[in-house]
């Protein structure tokens, strides 16, 4: 997913939707870290992208709470 698409999708979500997305993104990040630790991760660029996605969701959650 491109960054602009991701931002537009996150802007349209309410707080509950963002929390759901955050849980999914954190689970994905955990799985990527596990694959990296066991040497099964093929695309190493997925790990920082997943971290950025979690950070992006947290940013939108803070905006909604303010």
PDB file of N, CA and C in Angstrom:
ATOM      1  N   UNK A   1       0.848  -1.169   0.000  1.00  0.00           N
ATOM      2  CA  UNK A   1       0.000   0.000   0.000  1.00  0.00           C
ATOM      3  C   UNK A   1       0.896   1.234   0.000  1.00  0.00           C
ATOM      4  N   UNK A   2       0.556   2.192  -0.801  1.00  0.00           N
ATOM      5  CA  UNK A   2       1.318   3.420  -0.852  1.00  0.00           C
ATOM      6  C   UNK A   2       1.011   4.285   0.353  1.00  0.00           C
ATOM      7  N   UNK A   3       1.912   5.189   0.661  1.00  0.00           N
ATOM      8  CA  UNK A   3       1.763   6.021   1.851  1.00  0.00           C
ATOM      9  C   UNK A   3       0.537   6.919   1.753  1.00  0.00           C
ATOM     10  N   UNK A   4       0.296   7.509   0.589  1.00  0.00           N
ATOM     11  CA  UNK A   4      -0.865   8.388   0.441  1.00  0.00           C
ATOM     12  C   UNK A   4      -2.160   7.614   0.635  1.00  0.00           C
ATOM     13  N   UNK A   5      -2.225   6.402   0.115  1.00  0.00           N
ATOM     14  CA  UNK A   5      -3.407   5.570   0.299  1.00  0.00           C
ATOM     15  C   UNK A   5      -3.595   5.233   1.763  1.00  0.00           C
ATOM     16  N   UNK A   6      -2.493   4.937   2.435  1.00  0.00           N
ATOM     17  CA  UNK A   6      -2.548   4.589   3.852  1.00  0.00           C
ATOM     18  C   UNK A   6      -3.043   5.781   4.676  1.00  0.00           C
ATOM     19  N   UNK A   7      -2.543   6.957   4.366  1.00  0.00           N
ATOM     20  CA  UNK A   7      -2.964   8.152   5.111  1.00  0.00           C
ATOM     21  C   UNK A   7      -4.440   8.443   4.904  1.00  0.00           C
ATOM     22  N   UNK A   8      -4.904   8.326   3.683  1.00  0.00           N
ATOM     23  CA  UNK A   8      -6.319   8.586   3.407  1.00  0.00           C
ATOM     24  C   UNK A   8      -7.201   7.570   4.122  1.00  0.00           C
ATOM     25  N   UNK A   9      -6.757   6.329   4.153  1.00  0.00           N
ATOM     26  CA  UNK A   9      -7.535   5.287   4.832  1.00  0.00           C
ATOM     27  C   UNK A   9      -7.582   5.544   6.329  1.00  0.00           C
ATOM     28  N   UNK A  10      -6.478   6.011   6.897  1.00  0.00           N
ATOM     29  CA  UNK A  10      -6.443   6.266   8.337  1.00  0.00           C
ATOM     30  C   UNK A  10      -7.241   7.505   8.720  1.00  0.00           C
ATOM     31  N   UNK A  11      -7.249   8.510   7.859  1.00  0.00           N
ATOM     32  CA  UNK A  11      -7.993   9.732   8.161  1.00  0.00           C
ATOM     33  C   UNK A  11      -9.486   9.470   8.261  1.00  0.00           C
ATOM     34  N   UNK A  12      -9.970   8.512   7.502  1.00  0.00           N
ATOM     35  CA  UNK A  12     -11.398   8.232   7.486  1.00  0.00           C
ATOM     36  C   UNK A  12     -11.882   7.367   8.637  1.00  0.00           C
ATOM     37  N   UNK A  13     -10.967   6.830   9.443  1.00  0.00           N
ATOM     38  CA  UNK A  13     -11.361   5.933  10.523  1.00  0.00           C
ATOM     39  C   UNK A  13     -11.645   6.694  11.815  1.00  0.00           C
ATOM     40  N   UNK A  14     -12.548   6.139  12.608  1.00  0.00           N
ATOM     41  CA  UNK A  14     -12.783   6.698  13.932  1.00  0.00           C
ATOM     42  C   UNK A  14     -11.781   6.083  14.908  1.00  0.00           C
ATOM     43  N   UNK A  15     -11.890   6.442  16.180  1.00  0.00           N
ATOM     44  CA  UNK A  15     -10.921   5.991  17.171  1.00  0.00           C
ATOM     45  C   UNK A  15     -10.922   4.463  17.322  1.00  0.00           C
ATOM     46  N   UNK A  16     -12.088   3.855  17.304  1.00  0.00           N
ATOM     47  CA  UNK A  16     -12.171   2.403  17.440  1.00  0.00           C
ATOM     48  C   UNK A  16     -11.528   1.700  16.238  1.00  0.00           C
ATOM     49  N   UNK A  17     -11.752   2.238  15.061  1.00  0.00           N
ATOM     50  CA  UNK A  17     -11.139   1.675  13.856  1.00  0.00           C
ATOM     51  C   UNK A  17      -9.629   1.798  13.877  1.00  0.00           C
ATOM     52  N   UNK A  18      -9.145   2.940  14.388  1.00  0.00           N
ATOM     53  CA  UNK A  18      -7.705   3.136  14.487  1.00  0.00           C
ATOM     54  C   UNK A  18      -7.086   2.159  15.481  1.00  0.00           C
ATOM     55  N   UNK A  19      -7.788   1.906  16.569  1.00  0.00           N
ATOM     56  CA  UNK A  19      -7.269   0.954  17.559  1.00  0.00           C
ATOM     57  C   UNK A  19      -7.213  -0.457  16.986  1.00  0.00           C
ATOM     58  N   UNK A  20      -8.194  -0.793  16.169  1.00  0.00           N
ATOM     59  CA  UNK A  20      -8.183  -2.101  15.508  1.00  0.00           C
ATOM     60  C   UNK A  20      -7.005  -2.198  14.542  1.00  0.00           C
ATOM     61  N   UNK A  21      -6.806  -1.149  13.746  1.00  0.00           N
ATOM     62  CA  UNK A  21      -5.681  -1.117  12.804  1.00  0.00           C
ATOM     63  C   UNK A  21      -4.350  -1.188  13.552  1.00  0.00           C
ATOM     64  N   UNK A  22      -4.283  -0.512  14.706  1.00  0.00           N
ATOM     65  CA  UNK A  22      -3.061  -0.524  15.497  1.00  0.00           C
ATOM     66  C   UNK A  22      -2.748  -1.933  15.996  1.00  0.00           C
ATOM     67  N   UNK A  23      -3.759  -2.639  16.452  1.00  0.00           N
ATOM     68  CA  UNK A  23      -3.559  -4.012  16.916  1.00  0.00           C
ATOM     69  C   UNK A  23      -3.071  -4.898  15.772  1.00  0.00           C
ATOM     70  N   UNK A  24      -3.651  -4.722  14.590  1.00  0.00           N
ATOM     71  CA  UNK A  24      -3.227  -5.502  13.425  1.00  0.00           C
ATOM     72  C   UNK A  24      -1.790  -5.166  13.031  1.00  0.00           C
ATOM     73  N   UNK A  25      -1.456  -3.872  13.053  1.00  0.00           N
ATOM     74  CA  UNK A  25      -0.112  -3.445  12.661  1.00  0.00           C
ATOM     75  C   UNK A  25       0.928  -3.948  13.654  1.00  0.00           C
ATOM     76  N   UNK A  26       0.589  -3.931  14.932  1.00  0.00           N
ATOM     77  CA  UNK A  26       1.532  -4.424  15.945  1.00  0.00           C
ATOM     78  C   UNK A  26       1.722  -5.935  15.826  1.00  0.00           C
ATOM     79  N   UNK A  27       0.655  -6.653  15.513  1.00  0.00           N
ATOM     80  CA  UNK A  27       0.769  -8.100  15.319  1.00  0.00           C
ATOM     81  C   UNK A  27       1.648  -8.395  14.099  1.00  0.00           C
ATOM     82  N   UNK A  28       1.456  -7.614  13.041  1.00  0.00           N
ATOM     83  CA  UNK A  28       2.268  -7.771  11.839  1.00  0.00           C
ATOM     84  C   UNK A  28       3.741  -7.478  12.142  1.00  0.00           C
ATOM     85  N   UNK A  29       3.995  -6.428  12.913  1.00  0.00           N
ATOM     86  CA  UNK A  29       5.358  -6.074  13.289  1.00  0.00           C
ATOM     87  C   UNK A  29       5.994  -7.199  14.116  1.00  0.00           C
ATOM     88  N   UNK A  30       5.238  -7.767  15.040  1.00  0.00           N
ATOM     89  CA  UNK A  30       5.741  -8.878  15.836  1.00  0.00           C
ATOM     90  C   UNK A  30       6.132 -10.053  14.951  1.00  0.00           C
ATOM     91  N   UNK A  31       5.265 -10.385  14.002  1.00  0.00           N
ATOM     92  CA  UNK A  31       5.553 -11.498  13.099  1.00  0.00           C
ATOM     93  C   UNK A  31       6.785 -11.233  12.245  1.00  0.00           C
ATOM     94  N   UNK A  32       6.935  -9.986  11.790  1.00  0.00           N
ATOM     95  CA  UNK A  32       8.112  -9.643  10.997  1.00  0.00           C
ATOM     96  C   UNK A  32       9.382  -9.737  11.836  1.00  0.00           C
ATOM     97  N   UNK A  33       9.320  -9.286  13.086  1.00  0.00           N
ATOM     98  CA  UNK A  33      10.486  -9.392  13.967  1.00  0.00           C
ATOM     99  C   UNK A  33      10.850 -10.850  14.206  1.00  0.00           C
ATOM    100  N   UNK A  34       9.846 -11.680  14.375  1.00  0.00           N
ATOM    101  CA  UNK A  34      10.083 -13.104  14.599  1.00  0.00           C
ATOM    102  C   UNK A  34      10.736 -13.729  13.368  1.00  0.00           C
ATOM    103  N   UNK A  35      10.226 -13.398  12.184  1.00  0.00           N
ATOM    104  CA  UNK A  35      10.824 -13.910  10.951  1.00  0.00           C
ATOM    105  C   UNK A  35      12.262 -13.435  10.793  1.00  0.00           C
ATOM    106  N   UNK A  36      12.509 -12.175  11.159  1.00  0.00           N
ATOM    107  CA  UNK A  36      13.856 -11.626  11.052  1.00  0.00           C
ATOM    108  C   UNK A  36      14.816 -12.363  11.994  1.00  0.00           C
ATOM    109  N   UNK A  37      14.354 -12.638  13.197  1.00  0.00           N
ATOM    110  CA  UNK A  37      15.200 -13.313  14.182  1.00  0.00           C
ATOM    111  C   UNK A  37      15.513 -14.748  13.766  1.00  0.00           C
ATOM    112  N   UNK A  38      14.598 -15.390  13.071  1.00  0.00           N
ATOM    113  CA  UNK A  38      14.817 -16.773  12.654  1.00  0.00           C
ATOM    114  C   UNK A  38      15.424 -16.872  11.258  1.00  0.00           C
ATOM    115  N   UNK A  39      15.649 -15.736  10.611  1.00  0.00           N
ATOM    116  CA  UNK A  39      16.282 -15.735   9.296  1.00  0.00           C
ATOM    117  C   UNK A  39      15.339 -16.045   8.157  1.00  0.00           C
ATOM    118  N   UNK A  40      14.040 -15.925   8.366  1.00  0.00           N
ATOM    119  CA  UNK A  40      13.069 -16.243   7.328  1.00  0.00           C
ATOM    120  C   UNK A  40      12.537 -15.007   6.598  1.00  0.00           C
ATOM    121  N   UNK A  41      12.947 -13.838   7.021  1.00  0.00           N
ATOM    122  CA  UNK A  41      12.461 -12.604   6.407  1.00  0.00           C
ATOM    123  C   UNK A  41      13.182 -12.379   5.081  1.00  0.00           C
ATOM    124  N   UNK A  42      12.415 -12.335   3.997  1.00  0.00           N
ATOM    125  CA  UNK A  42      13.013 -12.192   2.671  1.00  0.00           C
ATOM    126  C   UNK A  42      13.252 -10.731   2.308  1.00  0.00           C
ATOM    127  N   UNK A  43      12.300  -9.880   2.593  1.00  0.00           N
ATOM    128  CA  UNK A  43      12.433  -8.461   2.284  1.00  0.00           C
ATOM    129  C   UNK A  43      12.699  -7.698   3.580  1.00  0.00           C
ATOM    130  N   UNK A  44      13.924  -7.291   3.771  1.00  0.00           N
ATOM    131  CA  UNK A  44      14.282  -6.619   5.014  1.00  0.00           C
ATOM    132  C   UNK A  44      13.656  -5.233   5.135  1.00  0.00           C
ATOM    133  N   UNK A  45      13.199  -4.666   4.042  1.00  0.00           N
ATOM    134  CA  UNK A  45      12.586  -3.337   4.071  1.00  0.00           C
ATOM    135  C   UNK A  45      11.185  -3.355   4.691  1.00  0.00           C
ATOM    136  N   UNK A  46      10.621  -4.546   4.860  1.00  0.00           N
ATOM    137  CA  UNK A  46       9.290  -4.635   5.452  1.00  0.00           C
ATOM    138  C   UNK A  46       9.293  -4.250   6.927  1.00  0.00           C
ATOM    139  N   UNK A  47      10.392  -4.503   7.616  1.00  0.00           N
ATOM    140  CA  UNK A  47      10.470  -4.227   9.047  1.00  0.00           C
ATOM    141  C   UNK A  47      10.372  -2.730   9.353  1.00  0.00           C
ATOM    142  N   UNK A  48      11.184  -1.870   8.747  1.00  0.00           N
ATOM    143  CA  UNK A  48      11.025  -0.438   9.012  1.00  0.00           C
ATOM    144  C   UNK A  48       9.688   0.119   8.510  1.00  0.00           C
ATOM    145  N   UNK A  49       9.169  -0.446   7.435  1.00  0.00           N
ATOM    146  CA  UNK A  49       7.871   0.009   6.932  1.00  0.00           C
ATOM    147  C   UNK A  49       6.773  -0.300   7.935  1.00  0.00           C
ATOM    148  N   UNK A  50       6.862  -1.450   8.574  1.00  0.00           N
ATOM    149  CA  UNK A  50       5.870  -1.818   9.586  1.00  0.00           C
ATOM    150  C   UNK A  50       5.992  -0.902  10.802  1.00  0.00           C
ATOM    151  N   UNK A  51       7.209  -0.555  11.176  1.00  0.00           N
ATOM    152  CA  UNK A  51       7.411   0.376  12.293  1.00  0.00           C
ATOM    153  C   UNK A  51       6.808   1.742  11.980  1.00  0.00           C
ATOM    154  N   UNK A  52       7.007   2.199  10.766  1.00  0.00           N
ATOM    155  CA  UNK A  52       6.453   3.495  10.369  1.00  0.00           C
ATOM    156  C   UNK A  52       4.930   3.461  10.366  1.00  0.00           C
ATOM    157  N   UNK A  53       4.356   2.332   9.965  1.00  0.00           N
ATOM    158  CA  UNK A  53       2.902   2.205   9.948  1.00  0.00           C
ATOM    159  C   UNK A  53       2.332   2.293  11.368  1.00  0.00           C
ATOM    160  N   UNK A  54       2.995   1.636  12.315  1.00  0.00           N
ATOM    161  CA  UNK A  54       2.558   1.711  13.712  1.00  0.00           C
ATOM    162  C   UNK A  54       2.655   3.155  14.195  1.00  0.00           C
ATOM    163  N   UNK A  55       3.751   3.819  13.894  1.00  0.00           N
ATOM    164  CA  UNK A  55       3.929   5.209  14.304  1.00  0.00           C
ATOM    165  C   UNK A  55       2.881   6.119  13.664  1.00  0.00           C
ATOM    166  N   UNK A  56       2.567   5.864  12.407  1.00  0.00           N
ATOM    167  CA  UNK A  56       1.564   6.667  11.703  1.00  0.00           C
ATOM    168  C   UNK A  56       0.194   6.507  12.363  1.00  0.00           C
ATOM    169  N   UNK A  57      -0.158   5.291  12.723  1.00  0.00           N
ATOM    170  CA  UNK A  57      -1.451   5.038  13.364  1.00  0.00           C
ATOM    171  C   UNK A  57      -1.493   5.711  14.729  1.00  0.00           C
ATOM    172  N   UNK A  58      -0.399   5.622  15.484  1.00  0.00           N
ATOM    173  CA  UNK A  58      -0.355   6.270  16.788  1.00  0.00           C
ATOM    174  C   UNK A  58      -0.497   7.788  16.662  1.00  0.00           C
ATOM    175  N   UNK A  59       0.082   8.348  15.621  1.00  0.00           N
ATOM    176  CA  UNK A  59      -0.044   9.792  15.376  1.00  0.00           C
ATOM    177  C   UNK A  59      -1.496  10.174  15.129  1.00  0.00           C
ATOM    178  N   UNK A  60      -2.204   9.395  14.314  1.00  0.00           N
ATOM    179  CA  UNK A  60      -3.602   9.701  14.047  1.00  0.00           C
ATOM    180  C   UNK A  60      -4.467   9.494  15.291  1.00  0.00           C
ATOM    181  N   UNK A  61      -4.110   8.525  16.128  1.00  0.00           N
ATOM    182  CA  UNK A  61      -4.836   8.327  17.374  1.00  0.00           C
ATOM    183  C   UNK A  61      -4.671   9.531  18.298  1.00  0.00           C
ATOM    184  N   UNK A  62      -3.472  10.083  18.348  1.00  0.00           N
ATOM    185  CA  UNK A  62      -3.234  11.270  19.176  1.00  0.00           C
ATOM    186  C   UNK A  62      -4.005  12.464  18.648  1.00  0.00           C
ATOM    187  N   UNK A  63      -4.085  12.584  17.331  1.00  0.00           N
ATOM    188  CA  UNK A  63      -4.840  13.687  16.735  1.00  0.00           C
ATOM    189  C   UNK A  63      -6.328  13.576  17.086  1.00  0.00           C
ATOM    190  N   UNK A  64      -6.859  12.356  17.056  1.00  0.00           N
ATOM    191  CA  UNK A  64      -8.283  12.148  17.361  1.00  0.00           C
ATOM    192  C   UNK A  64      -8.577  12.426  18.832  1.00  0.00           C
ATOM    193  N   UNK A  65      -7.620  12.124  19.704  1.00  0.00           N
ATOM    194  CA  UNK A  65      -7.810  12.311  21.128  1.00  0.00           C
ATOM    195  C   UNK A  65      -7.685  13.773  21.548  1.00  0.00           C
ATOM    196  N   UNK A  66      -7.036  14.578  20.752  1.00  0.00           N
ATOM    197  CA  UNK A  66      -6.792  15.979  21.127  1.00  0.00           C
ATOM    198  C   UNK A  66      -7.968  16.866  20.854  1.00  0.00           C
TER     199      UNK A  66
END
